[in-house]
Amino acid sequence: MILGLCGSPRAQATEHVLEATLKMLEERGLETRLWTVRGKRIGFCVHCDGCLGGGGCVIQDDVQEVYPLLREAEGLIIASPVYNGGVSAQMKAVMDRTRALLASDPDSLRGKPGMAIAVGGDRAGGQELALQQISTYYTINGVLTLSGGFFGANLGASFWSKDTLAGVKGDEEGFRGLRKTVKRFSEHIKRREPET
């Protein structure tokens, strides 16, 4: 299963792009699952170290749903709107809270492929910085970051929404980069699958 994590608190551009991504992967024969921060109760990590004993996160909220999904996932996709040159606060909180998962199983994400998607309201609205933030998270936790390669998808898929759903739907360059990234990501997943 490929897990898509949507960092948008609204059902708008970022969720649309992630749903399109998951559909592309399903068309390539992969099972997908979407988890969104929208409407969820998400507390911030307070670095209490309560998780270090292996008992999980002491904060009982909707982030608890993510831990088994992350363990089960064969690959990860993090998609976020750009907030002040980075991922949304909700997405960052989820990323920080995975410390509890890694405290109980340090290898739970290691070696899994991951791709990044950033959606900005301006053409140069911080998409690259948000993509780098996701890639840094992947690197720290042993996830293999996959992009679409050079010429348009160097760090992952980047979209210009013009702050509207219609804007992101019309971003052909963004979708071109997404298709390249999905192709490379799905090829990597298929290579990892055991032969039957």
N, C-alpha and C. Protein backbone atom coordinates (compact mmCIF):
# COMPACT_ATOMS: atom_id res chain seq x y z
N MET A 1 0.84 -1.19 0.00
CA MET A 1 0.00 0.00 0.00
C MET A 1 0.88 1.24 0.00
N ILE A 2 0.52 2.21 -0.84
CA ILE A 2 1.19 3.50 -0.88
C ILE A 2 0.36 4.48 -0.06
N LEU A 3 0.99 5.12 0.91
CA LEU A 3 0.28 6.04 1.79
C LEU A 3 0.52 7.47 1.35
N GLY A 4 -0.56 8.18 1.06
CA GLY A 4 -0.50 9.60 0.74
C GLY A 4 -0.95 10.41 1.93
N LEU A 5 -0.07 11.25 2.44
CA LEU A 5 -0.39 12.12 3.57
C LEU A 5 -0.63 13.53 3.05
N CYS A 6 -1.82 14.03 3.26
CA CYS A 6 -2.18 15.37 2.79
C CYS A 6 -2.10 16.36 3.94
N GLY A 7 -1.26 17.38 3.77
CA GLY A 7 -1.04 18.37 4.82
C GLY A 7 -1.92 19.59 4.75
N SER A 8 -2.97 19.55 3.93
CA SER A 8 -3.84 20.72 3.81
C SER A 8 -5.05 20.61 4.73
N PRO A 9 -5.32 21.66 5.50
CA PRO A 9 -6.52 21.65 6.34
C PRO A 9 -7.80 21.95 5.56
N ARG A 10 -7.65 22.19 4.24
CA ARG A 10 -8.82 22.47 3.40
C ARG A 10 -8.90 21.47 2.26
N ALA A 11 -10.11 21.21 1.80
CA ALA A 11 -10.31 20.31 0.64
C ALA A 11 -10.16 21.14 -0.63
N GLN A 12 -8.93 21.49 -0.94
CA GLN A 12 -8.68 22.36 -2.09
C GLN A 12 -7.57 21.79 -2.96
N ALA A 13 -6.63 22.65 -3.36
CA ALA A 13 -5.63 22.32 -4.37
C ALA A 13 -4.74 21.14 -3.98
N THR A 14 -4.19 21.15 -2.78
CA THR A 14 -3.25 20.09 -2.40
C THR A 14 -3.94 18.73 -2.36
N GLU A 15 -5.12 18.68 -1.80
CA GLU A 15 -5.85 17.41 -1.76
C GLU A 15 -6.19 16.93 -3.16
N HIS A 16 -6.56 17.86 -4.05
CA HIS A 16 -6.84 17.50 -5.44
C HIS A 16 -5.61 16.87 -6.10
N VAL A 17 -4.46 17.50 -5.92
CA VAL A 17 -3.23 16.99 -6.53
C VAL A 17 -2.87 15.62 -5.95
N LEU A 18 -2.99 15.44 -4.65
CA LEU A 18 -2.66 14.16 -4.05
C LEU A 18 -3.63 13.07 -4.52
N GLU A 19 -4.90 13.39 -4.61
CA GLU A 19 -5.86 12.41 -5.13
C GLU A 19 -5.53 12.02 -6.57
N ALA A 20 -5.13 12.99 -7.39
CA ALA A 20 -4.72 12.70 -8.77
C ALA A 20 -3.48 11.80 -8.78
N THR A 21 -2.56 12.05 -7.86
CA THR A 21 -1.35 11.24 -7.75
C THR A 21 -1.69 9.80 -7.41
N LEU A 22 -2.54 9.62 -6.43
CA LEU A 22 -2.93 8.27 -6.02
C LEU A 22 -3.67 7.55 -7.14
N LYS A 23 -4.47 8.28 -7.89
CA LYS A 23 -5.16 7.67 -9.04
C LYS A 23 -4.16 7.20 -10.09
N MET A 24 -3.13 8.02 -10.36
CA MET A 24 -2.09 7.61 -11.32
C MET A 24 -1.40 6.33 -10.86
N LEU A 25 -1.14 6.22 -9.57
CA LEU A 25 -0.49 5.03 -9.03
C LEU A 25 -1.42 3.81 -9.10
N GLU A 26 -2.70 4.02 -8.83
CA GLU A 26 -3.67 2.92 -8.94
C GLU A 26 -3.75 2.43 -10.38
N GLU A 27 -3.68 3.35 -11.35
CA GLU A 27 -3.68 2.96 -12.75
C GLU A 27 -2.45 2.14 -13.12
N ARG A 28 -1.42 2.24 -12.32
CA ARG A 28 -0.20 1.45 -12.51
C ARG A 28 -0.24 0.17 -11.67
N GLY A 29 -1.40 -0.13 -11.09
CA GLY A 29 -1.58 -1.38 -10.37
C GLY A 29 -1.20 -1.36 -8.90
N LEU A 30 -1.04 -0.17 -8.33
CA LEU A 30 -0.65 -0.08 -6.92
C LEU A 30 -1.85 0.27 -6.05
N GLU A 31 -1.87 -0.31 -4.86
CA GLU A 31 -2.91 0.00 -3.88
C GLU A 31 -2.51 1.27 -3.15
N THR A 32 -3.48 2.16 -2.91
CA THR A 32 -3.16 3.42 -2.25
C THR A 32 -4.11 3.69 -1.09
N ARG A 33 -3.69 4.61 -0.24
CA ARG A 33 -4.52 5.05 0.88
C ARG A 33 -4.24 6.52 1.13
N LEU A 34 -5.28 7.29 1.35
CA LEU A 34 -5.14 8.73 1.62
C LEU A 34 -5.44 8.99 3.09
N TRP A 35 -4.57 9.77 3.73
CA TRP A 35 -4.82 10.26 5.09
C TRP A 35 -4.59 11.75 5.06
N THR A 36 -5.57 12.50 5.54
CA THR A 36 -5.47 13.95 5.49
C THR A 36 -5.53 14.55 6.89
N VAL A 37 -4.87 15.68 7.04
CA VAL A 37 -4.93 16.40 8.32
C VAL A 37 -6.27 17.13 8.47
N ARG A 38 -6.99 17.29 7.37
CA ARG A 38 -8.24 18.05 7.38
C ARG A 38 -9.23 17.46 8.38
N GLY A 39 -9.71 18.30 9.27
CA GLY A 39 -10.71 17.88 10.25
C GLY A 39 -10.18 17.04 11.39
N LYS A 40 -8.87 16.88 11.47
CA LYS A 40 -8.29 16.02 12.50
C LYS A 40 -7.83 16.83 13.71
N ARG A 41 -7.84 16.17 14.86
CA ARG A 41 -7.25 16.74 16.08
C ARG A 41 -5.78 16.35 16.08
N ILE A 42 -4.91 17.34 15.98
CA ILE A 42 -3.47 17.08 15.87
C ILE A 42 -2.73 17.94 16.88
N GLY A 43 -2.18 17.29 17.88
CA GLY A 43 -1.38 18.00 18.87
C GLY A 43 0.07 18.09 18.43
N PHE A 44 0.78 19.05 18.98
CA PHE A 44 2.19 19.23 18.65
C PHE A 44 3.05 18.37 19.56
N CYS A 45 4.15 17.87 19.02
CA CYS A 45 5.13 17.17 19.83
C CYS A 45 5.73 18.18 20.81
N VAL A 46 5.78 17.80 22.08
CA VAL A 46 6.35 18.69 23.09
C VAL A 46 7.68 18.13 23.60
N HIS A 47 8.19 17.12 22.91
CA HIS A 47 9.48 16.51 23.23
C HIS A 47 9.54 16.09 24.69
N CYS A 48 8.47 15.44 25.15
CA CYS A 48 8.39 15.01 26.55
C CYS A 48 9.19 13.74 26.80
N ASP A 49 9.59 13.06 25.70
CA ASP A 49 10.33 11.79 25.76
C ASP A 49 9.49 10.64 26.30
N GLY A 50 8.19 10.84 26.39
CA GLY A 50 7.31 9.76 26.84
C GLY A 50 7.32 8.56 25.91
N CYS A 51 7.66 8.78 24.64
CA CYS A 51 7.67 7.69 23.66
C CYS A 51 8.95 6.87 23.70
N LEU A 52 9.98 7.36 24.37
CA LEU A 52 11.29 6.70 24.31
C LEU A 52 11.30 5.33 24.98
N GLY A 53 10.34 5.06 25.83
CA GLY A 53 10.26 3.75 26.45
C GLY A 53 9.63 2.71 25.54
N GLY A 54 9.21 3.13 24.34
CA GLY A 54 8.62 2.19 23.38
C GLY A 54 7.12 2.06 23.50
N GLY A 55 6.51 2.85 24.36
CA GLY A 55 5.07 2.74 24.57
C GLY A 55 4.24 3.60 23.64
N GLY A 56 4.86 4.29 22.71
CA GLY A 56 4.12 5.12 21.78
C GLY A 56 3.97 6.55 22.28
N CYS A 57 3.28 7.34 21.49
CA CYS A 57 3.08 8.75 21.82
C CYS A 57 2.04 8.88 22.93
N VAL A 58 2.34 9.73 23.90
CA VAL A 58 1.42 9.92 25.02
C VAL A 58 0.25 10.83 24.64
N ILE A 59 0.36 11.55 23.52
CA ILE A 59 -0.73 12.43 23.08
C ILE A 59 -1.76 11.57 22.36
N GLN A 60 -2.94 11.50 22.90
CA GLN A 60 -4.00 10.67 22.32
C GLN A 60 -4.90 11.55 21.45
N ASP A 61 -4.63 11.55 20.16
CA ASP A 61 -5.41 12.31 19.20
C ASP A 61 -5.44 11.56 17.89
N ASP A 62 -5.81 12.23 16.80
CA ASP A 62 -5.99 11.54 15.52
C ASP A 62 -4.68 11.11 14.86
N VAL A 63 -3.54 11.60 15.33
CA VAL A 63 -2.26 11.17 14.76
C VAL A 63 -2.02 9.69 15.07
N GLN A 64 -2.66 9.17 16.10
CA GLN A 64 -2.53 7.75 16.43
C GLN A 64 -2.92 6.86 15.24
N GLU A 65 -3.84 7.36 14.38
CA GLU A 65 -4.27 6.60 13.20
C GLU A 65 -3.13 6.40 12.20
N VAL A 66 -2.17 7.32 12.20
CA VAL A 66 -1.12 7.31 11.18
C VAL A 66 -0.07 6.25 11.43
N TYR A 67 0.21 5.94 12.68
CA TYR A 67 1.31 5.04 13.00
C TYR A 67 1.19 3.66 12.33
N PRO A 68 0.05 2.96 12.43
CA PRO A 68 -0.04 1.67 11.75
C PRO A 68 0.00 1.80 10.23
N LEU A 69 -0.52 2.91 9.70
CA LEU A 69 -0.48 3.12 8.26
C LEU A 69 0.96 3.30 7.77
N LEU A 70 1.74 4.04 8.52
CA LEU A 70 3.16 4.24 8.16
C LEU A 70 3.92 2.92 8.21
N ARG A 71 3.65 2.10 9.21
CA ARG A 71 4.31 0.80 9.33
C ARG A 71 3.99 -0.08 8.12
N GLU A 72 2.71 -0.09 7.75
CA GLU A 72 2.23 -0.96 6.67
C GLU A 72 2.64 -0.49 5.28
N ALA A 73 2.81 0.80 5.11
CA ALA A 73 3.05 1.38 3.78
C ALA A 73 4.33 0.86 3.14
N GLU A 74 4.24 0.62 1.83
CA GLU A 74 5.43 0.26 1.04
C GLU A 74 6.14 1.51 0.55
N GLY A 75 5.41 2.61 0.47
CA GLY A 75 5.97 3.87 0.00
C GLY A 75 5.14 5.01 0.55
N LEU A 76 5.76 6.20 0.61
CA LEU A 76 5.12 7.37 1.20
C LEU A 76 5.08 8.54 0.23
N ILE A 77 3.99 9.28 0.30
CA ILE A 77 3.87 10.54 -0.43
C ILE A 77 3.40 11.59 0.57
N ILE A 78 4.18 12.63 0.72
CA ILE A 78 3.76 13.75 1.55
C ILE A 78 3.47 14.92 0.62
N ALA A 79 2.25 15.42 0.71
CA ALA A 79 1.83 16.58 -0.09
C ALA A 79 1.39 17.68 0.87
N SER A 80 1.91 18.88 0.64
CA SER A 80 1.57 19.98 1.53
C SER A 80 1.41 21.28 0.77
N PRO A 81 0.48 22.12 1.22
CA PRO A 81 0.48 23.49 0.74
C PRO A 81 1.69 24.20 1.35
N VAL A 82 2.12 25.27 0.71
CA VAL A 82 3.24 26.03 1.23
C VAL A 82 2.72 27.08 2.19
N TYR A 83 3.24 27.03 3.42
CA TYR A 83 2.92 28.02 4.43
C TYR A 83 4.22 28.70 4.84
N ASN A 84 4.38 29.95 4.52
CA ASN A 84 5.58 30.70 4.90
C ASN A 84 6.87 29.97 4.52
N GLY A 85 6.92 29.46 3.31
CA GLY A 85 8.14 28.83 2.81
C GLY A 85 8.40 27.44 3.35
N GLY A 86 7.38 26.75 3.85
CA GLY A 86 7.56 25.38 4.33
C GLY A 86 6.24 24.63 4.28
N VAL A 87 6.22 23.47 4.90
CA VAL A 87 4.99 22.69 4.94
C VAL A 87 4.02 23.33 5.93
N SER A 88 2.77 22.92 5.88
CA SER A 88 1.77 23.44 6.81
C SER A 88 2.11 23.03 8.25
N ALA A 89 1.61 23.79 9.20
CA ALA A 89 1.84 23.47 10.62
C ALA A 89 1.30 22.09 10.96
N GLN A 90 0.17 21.73 10.38
CA GLN A 90 -0.43 20.42 10.65
C GLN A 90 0.49 19.30 10.15
N MET A 91 1.03 19.49 8.92
CA MET A 91 1.91 18.46 8.36
C MET A 91 3.19 18.35 9.17
N LYS A 92 3.73 19.49 9.58
CA LYS A 92 4.95 19.48 10.38
C LYS A 92 4.71 18.78 11.71
N ALA A 93 3.55 19.00 12.30
CA ALA A 93 3.23 18.32 13.57
C ALA A 93 3.18 16.81 13.38
N VAL A 94 2.58 16.35 12.29
CA VAL A 94 2.54 14.91 12.01
C VAL A 94 3.95 14.37 11.82
N MET A 95 4.77 15.09 11.05
CA MET A 95 6.15 14.66 10.83
C MET A 95 6.90 14.55 12.17
N ASP A 96 6.75 15.57 13.02
CA ASP A 96 7.41 15.56 14.32
C ASP A 96 6.92 14.41 15.20
N ARG A 97 5.64 14.14 15.13
CA ARG A 97 5.05 13.11 15.99
C ARG A 97 5.43 11.70 15.58
N THR A 98 5.99 11.51 14.38
CA THR A 98 6.44 10.17 14.00
C THR A 98 7.66 9.74 14.83
N ARG A 99 8.19 10.65 15.61
CA ARG A 99 9.27 10.30 16.55
C ARG A 99 8.83 9.13 17.44
N ALA A 100 7.56 9.11 17.81
CA ALA A 100 7.05 8.03 18.66
C ALA A 100 7.09 6.68 17.93
N LEU A 101 6.76 6.68 16.65
CA LEU A 101 6.82 5.45 15.85
C LEU A 101 8.26 4.96 15.77
N LEU A 102 9.16 5.88 15.50
CA LEU A 102 10.56 5.51 15.33
C LEU A 102 11.21 5.12 16.65
N ALA A 103 10.70 5.63 17.76
CA ALA A 103 11.22 5.24 19.07
C ALA A 103 10.90 3.77 19.35
N SER A 104 9.73 3.32 18.88
CA SER A 104 9.35 1.92 19.12
C SER A 104 9.93 0.99 18.05
N ASP A 105 10.18 1.51 16.85
CA ASP A 105 10.74 0.70 15.76
C ASP A 105 11.57 1.61 14.86
N PRO A 106 12.87 1.74 15.13
CA PRO A 106 13.72 2.66 14.36
C PRO A 106 13.77 2.36 12.86
N ASP A 107 13.43 1.14 12.48
CA ASP A 107 13.49 0.76 11.06
C ASP A 107 12.13 0.82 10.37
N SER A 108 11.12 1.38 11.02
CA SER A 108 9.76 1.32 10.46
C SER A 108 9.63 2.07 9.14
N LEU A 109 10.47 3.06 8.88
CA LEU A 109 10.41 3.79 7.61
C LEU A 109 11.63 3.53 6.73
N ARG A 110 12.64 2.92 7.27
CA ARG A 110 13.92 2.77 6.59
C ARG A 110 13.79 2.02 5.26
N GLY A 111 14.32 2.62 4.21
CA GLY A 111 14.37 1.99 2.90
C GLY A 111 13.11 2.14 2.07
N LYS A 112 12.05 2.69 2.64
CA LYS A 112 10.83 2.87 1.87
C LYS A 112 11.01 4.08 0.94
N PRO A 113 10.50 4.00 -0.28
CA PRO A 113 10.59 5.16 -1.16
C PRO A 113 9.58 6.23 -0.75
N GLY A 114 9.96 7.48 -0.94
CA GLY A 114 9.07 8.59 -0.62
C GLY A 114 9.14 9.66 -1.70
N MET A 115 8.02 10.27 -1.96
CA MET A 115 8.01 11.40 -2.89
C MET A 115 7.34 12.59 -2.22
N ALA A 116 7.67 13.78 -2.73
CA ALA A 116 7.20 15.02 -2.13
C ALA A 116 6.42 15.83 -3.15
N ILE A 117 5.36 16.49 -2.66
CA ILE A 117 4.54 17.39 -3.48
C ILE A 117 4.33 18.66 -2.69
N ALA A 118 4.54 19.81 -3.34
CA ALA A 118 4.30 21.10 -2.70
C ALA A 118 3.43 21.96 -3.62
N VAL A 119 2.46 22.61 -3.03
CA VAL A 119 1.54 23.46 -3.79
C VAL A 119 1.59 24.87 -3.20
N GLY A 120 2.01 25.83 -4.03
CA GLY A 120 2.11 27.21 -3.59
C GLY A 120 1.14 28.11 -4.32
N GLY A 121 0.71 29.16 -3.64
CA GLY A 121 -0.22 30.11 -4.25
C GLY A 121 0.44 31.03 -5.26
N ASP A 122 1.74 31.24 -5.13
CA ASP A 122 2.51 32.05 -6.07
C ASP A 122 3.41 31.14 -6.89
N ARG A 123 3.86 31.65 -8.04
CA ARG A 123 4.75 30.84 -8.88
C ARG A 123 6.02 30.45 -8.10
N ALA A 124 6.58 31.40 -7.38
CA ALA A 124 7.76 31.14 -6.56
C ALA A 124 7.37 31.36 -5.11
N GLY A 125 6.43 30.55 -4.61
CA GLY A 125 5.86 30.75 -3.29
C GLY A 125 6.47 29.93 -2.20
N GLY A 126 7.65 29.36 -2.44
CA GLY A 126 8.30 28.54 -1.43
C GLY A 126 8.19 27.04 -1.68
N GLN A 127 7.76 26.66 -2.88
CA GLN A 127 7.59 25.23 -3.18
C GLN A 127 8.89 24.45 -2.97
N GLU A 128 10.02 24.98 -3.47
CA GLU A 128 11.28 24.25 -3.32
C GLU A 128 11.67 24.09 -1.86
N LEU A 129 11.41 25.12 -1.05
CA LEU A 129 11.73 25.02 0.37
C LEU A 129 10.87 23.96 1.06
N ALA A 130 9.60 23.89 0.71
CA ALA A 130 8.71 22.87 1.28
C ALA A 130 9.14 21.47 0.83
N LEU A 131 9.51 21.33 -0.45
CA LEU A 131 9.99 20.04 -0.94
C LEU A 131 11.26 19.62 -0.21
N GLN A 132 12.15 20.58 0.03
CA GLN A 132 13.38 20.26 0.77
C GLN A 132 13.08 19.87 2.21
N GLN A 133 12.08 20.50 2.81
CA GLN A 133 11.70 20.15 4.18
C GLN A 133 11.21 18.71 4.24
N ILE A 134 10.40 18.32 3.26
CA ILE A 134 9.92 16.93 3.21
C ILE A 134 11.08 15.98 2.96
N SER A 135 11.97 16.35 2.04
CA SER A 135 13.13 15.50 1.73
C SER A 135 14.04 15.36 2.94
N THR A 136 14.21 16.42 3.70
CA THR A 136 15.02 16.35 4.92
C THR A 136 14.40 15.39 5.92
N TYR A 137 13.09 15.47 6.08
CA TYR A 137 12.38 14.54 6.96
C TYR A 137 12.62 13.10 6.50
N TYR A 138 12.51 12.87 5.19
CA TYR A 138 12.75 11.53 4.66
C TYR A 138 14.18 11.07 4.97
N THR A 139 15.15 11.92 4.70
CA THR A 139 16.55 11.57 4.91
C THR A 139 16.83 11.20 6.36
N ILE A 140 16.34 12.01 7.28
CA ILE A 140 16.57 11.77 8.71
C ILE A 140 16.01 10.42 9.15
N ASN A 141 14.91 10.01 8.52
CA ASN A 141 14.21 8.80 8.95
C ASN A 141 14.44 7.59 8.04
N GLY A 142 15.41 7.70 7.13
CA GLY A 142 15.80 6.55 6.32
C GLY A 142 14.94 6.27 5.12
N VAL A 143 14.09 7.21 4.76
CA VAL A 143 13.24 7.05 3.58
C VAL A 143 14.04 7.46 2.34
N LEU A 144 13.93 6.71 1.26
CA LEU A 144 14.61 7.01 0.01
C LEU A 144 13.80 8.04 -0.77
N THR A 145 14.31 9.25 -0.90
CA THR A 145 13.58 10.32 -1.58
C THR A 145 13.70 10.14 -3.09
N LEU A 146 12.56 10.09 -3.76
CA LEU A 146 12.54 9.97 -5.22
C LEU A 146 11.91 11.20 -5.84
N SER A 147 12.55 11.74 -6.84
CA SER A 147 12.00 12.88 -7.57
C SER A 147 11.68 12.42 -8.99
N GLY A 148 11.26 13.37 -9.80
CA GLY A 148 11.02 13.06 -11.20
C GLY A 148 12.26 13.25 -12.05
N GLY A 149 13.36 13.63 -11.43
CA GLY A 149 14.60 13.84 -12.17
C GLY A 149 14.69 15.26 -12.70
N PHE A 150 15.72 15.49 -13.47
CA PHE A 150 15.98 16.83 -13.99
C PHE A 150 14.92 17.28 -15.00
N PHE A 151 14.98 18.54 -15.34
CA PHE A 151 14.05 19.20 -16.27
C PHE A 151 12.61 19.21 -15.75
N GLY A 152 12.43 19.80 -14.58
CA GLY A 152 11.07 20.08 -14.14
C GLY A 152 10.58 19.40 -12.89
N ALA A 153 11.31 18.40 -12.40
CA ALA A 153 10.84 17.73 -11.19
C ALA A 153 12.03 17.32 -10.33
N ASN A 154 13.02 18.20 -10.25
CA ASN A 154 14.28 17.89 -9.57
C ASN A 154 14.09 17.43 -8.14
N LEU A 155 13.19 18.07 -7.40
CA LEU A 155 13.00 17.75 -5.98
C LEU A 155 11.69 17.02 -5.71
N GLY A 156 10.86 16.91 -6.71
CA GLY A 156 9.53 16.33 -6.56
C GLY A 156 8.56 17.14 -7.40
N ALA A 157 7.29 17.02 -7.10
CA ALA A 157 6.27 17.72 -7.88
C ALA A 157 5.95 19.07 -7.24
N SER A 158 5.96 20.10 -8.05
CA SER A 158 5.74 21.46 -7.57
C SER A 158 4.61 22.09 -8.37
N PHE A 159 3.66 22.68 -7.65
CA PHE A 159 2.48 23.26 -8.30
C PHE A 159 2.30 24.73 -7.94
N TRP A 160 1.74 25.46 -8.89
CA TRP A 160 1.35 26.85 -8.70
C TRP A 160 -0.17 26.90 -8.78
N SER A 161 -0.83 27.13 -7.65
CA SER A 161 -2.29 27.06 -7.61
C SER A 161 -2.98 28.39 -7.89
N LYS A 162 -2.23 29.49 -7.80
CA LYS A 162 -2.85 30.83 -7.88
C LYS A 162 -3.92 30.98 -6.81
N ASP A 163 -3.75 30.25 -5.72
CA ASP A 163 -4.66 30.25 -4.58
C ASP A 163 -6.08 29.81 -4.91
N THR A 164 -6.21 28.98 -5.95
CA THR A 164 -7.53 28.47 -6.30
C THR A 164 -7.42 27.01 -6.75
N LEU A 165 -8.51 26.29 -6.62
CA LEU A 165 -8.57 24.93 -7.13
C LEU A 165 -8.46 24.94 -8.65
N ALA A 166 -9.12 25.89 -9.30
CA ALA A 166 -9.04 25.99 -10.76
C ALA A 166 -7.60 26.25 -11.20
N GLY A 167 -6.88 27.05 -10.43
CA GLY A 167 -5.49 27.35 -10.77
C GLY A 167 -4.62 26.11 -10.79
N VAL A 168 -4.75 25.27 -9.77
CA VAL A 168 -3.92 24.07 -9.74
C VAL A 168 -4.35 23.09 -10.83
N LYS A 169 -5.63 23.00 -11.11
CA LYS A 169 -6.10 22.10 -12.17
C LYS A 169 -5.54 22.50 -13.53
N GLY A 170 -5.29 23.80 -13.71
CA GLY A 170 -4.76 24.30 -14.97
C GLY A 170 -3.24 24.36 -15.04
N ASP A 171 -2.55 23.90 -14.01
CA ASP A 171 -1.09 23.98 -13.99
C ASP A 171 -0.48 22.78 -14.73
N GLU A 172 -0.40 22.89 -16.04
CA GLU A 172 0.11 21.80 -16.87
C GLU A 172 1.56 21.47 -16.56
N GLU A 173 2.35 22.48 -16.26
CA GLU A 173 3.76 22.23 -15.93
C GLU A 173 3.86 21.44 -14.62
N GLY A 174 3.02 21.78 -13.66
CA GLY A 174 2.99 21.02 -12.41
C GLY A 174 2.63 19.57 -12.65
N PHE A 175 1.63 19.33 -13.48
CA PHE A 175 1.22 17.95 -13.75
C PHE A 175 2.26 17.20 -14.58
N ARG A 176 2.99 17.92 -15.43
CA ARG A 176 4.08 17.26 -16.17
C ARG A 176 5.14 16.75 -15.19
N GLY A 177 5.52 17.60 -14.23
CA GLY A 177 6.48 17.17 -13.21
C GLY A 177 5.94 16.05 -12.34
N LEU A 178 4.65 16.11 -12.04
CA LEU A 178 4.03 15.05 -11.24
C LEU A 178 4.08 13.72 -11.98
N ARG A 179 3.74 13.72 -13.27
CA ARG A 179 3.76 12.47 -14.04
C ARG A 179 5.16 11.86 -14.06
N LYS A 180 6.20 12.71 -14.20
CA LYS A 180 7.57 12.21 -14.17
C LYS A 180 7.90 11.60 -12.81
N THR A 181 7.47 12.27 -11.75
CA THR A 181 7.76 11.80 -10.40
C THR A 181 7.01 10.50 -10.11
N VAL A 182 5.75 10.42 -10.50
CA VAL A 182 4.96 9.20 -10.31
C VAL A 182 5.58 8.04 -11.07
N LYS A 183 6.06 8.29 -12.28
CA LYS A 183 6.67 7.24 -13.10
C LYS A 183 7.89 6.66 -12.38
N ARG A 184 8.78 7.53 -11.92
CA ARG A 184 10.00 7.05 -11.25
C ARG A 184 9.65 6.35 -9.94
N PHE A 185 8.72 6.90 -9.18
CA PHE A 185 8.30 6.33 -7.91
C PHE A 185 7.70 4.94 -8.12
N SER A 186 6.79 4.81 -9.08
CA SER A 186 6.13 3.51 -9.30
C SER A 186 7.11 2.47 -9.84
N GLU A 187 8.06 2.89 -10.68
CA GLU A 187 9.07 1.97 -11.17
C GLU A 187 9.91 1.44 -10.02
N HIS A 188 10.23 2.29 -9.09
CA HIS A 188 11.02 1.86 -7.92
C HIS A 188 10.23 0.88 -7.06
N ILE A 189 8.95 1.17 -6.85
CA ILE A 189 8.09 0.27 -6.06
C ILE A 189 8.04 -1.10 -6.73
N LYS A 190 7.84 -1.13 -8.04
CA LYS A 190 7.72 -2.39 -8.77
C LYS A 190 9.02 -3.19 -8.67
N ARG A 191 10.16 -2.51 -8.69
CA ARG A 191 11.45 -3.22 -8.58
C ARG A 191 11.61 -3.86 -7.19
N ARG A 192 10.99 -3.27 -6.19
CA ARG A 192 11.09 -3.78 -4.82
C ARG A 192 10.18 -4.97 -4.57
N GLU A 193 9.15 -5.14 -5.41
CA GLU A 193 8.18 -6.21 -5.18
C GLU A 193 8.81 -7.57 -5.42
N PRO A 194 8.58 -8.54 -4.53
CA PRO A 194 9.15 -9.88 -4.73
C PRO A 194 8.51 -10.57 -5.92
N GLU A 195 9.31 -11.32 -6.64
CA GLU A 195 8.79 -12.07 -7.79
C GLU A 195 7.98 -13.25 -7.30
N THR A 196 6.90 -13.55 -8.04
CA THR A 196 6.05 -14.69 -7.64
C THR A 196 6.25 -15.86 -8.58
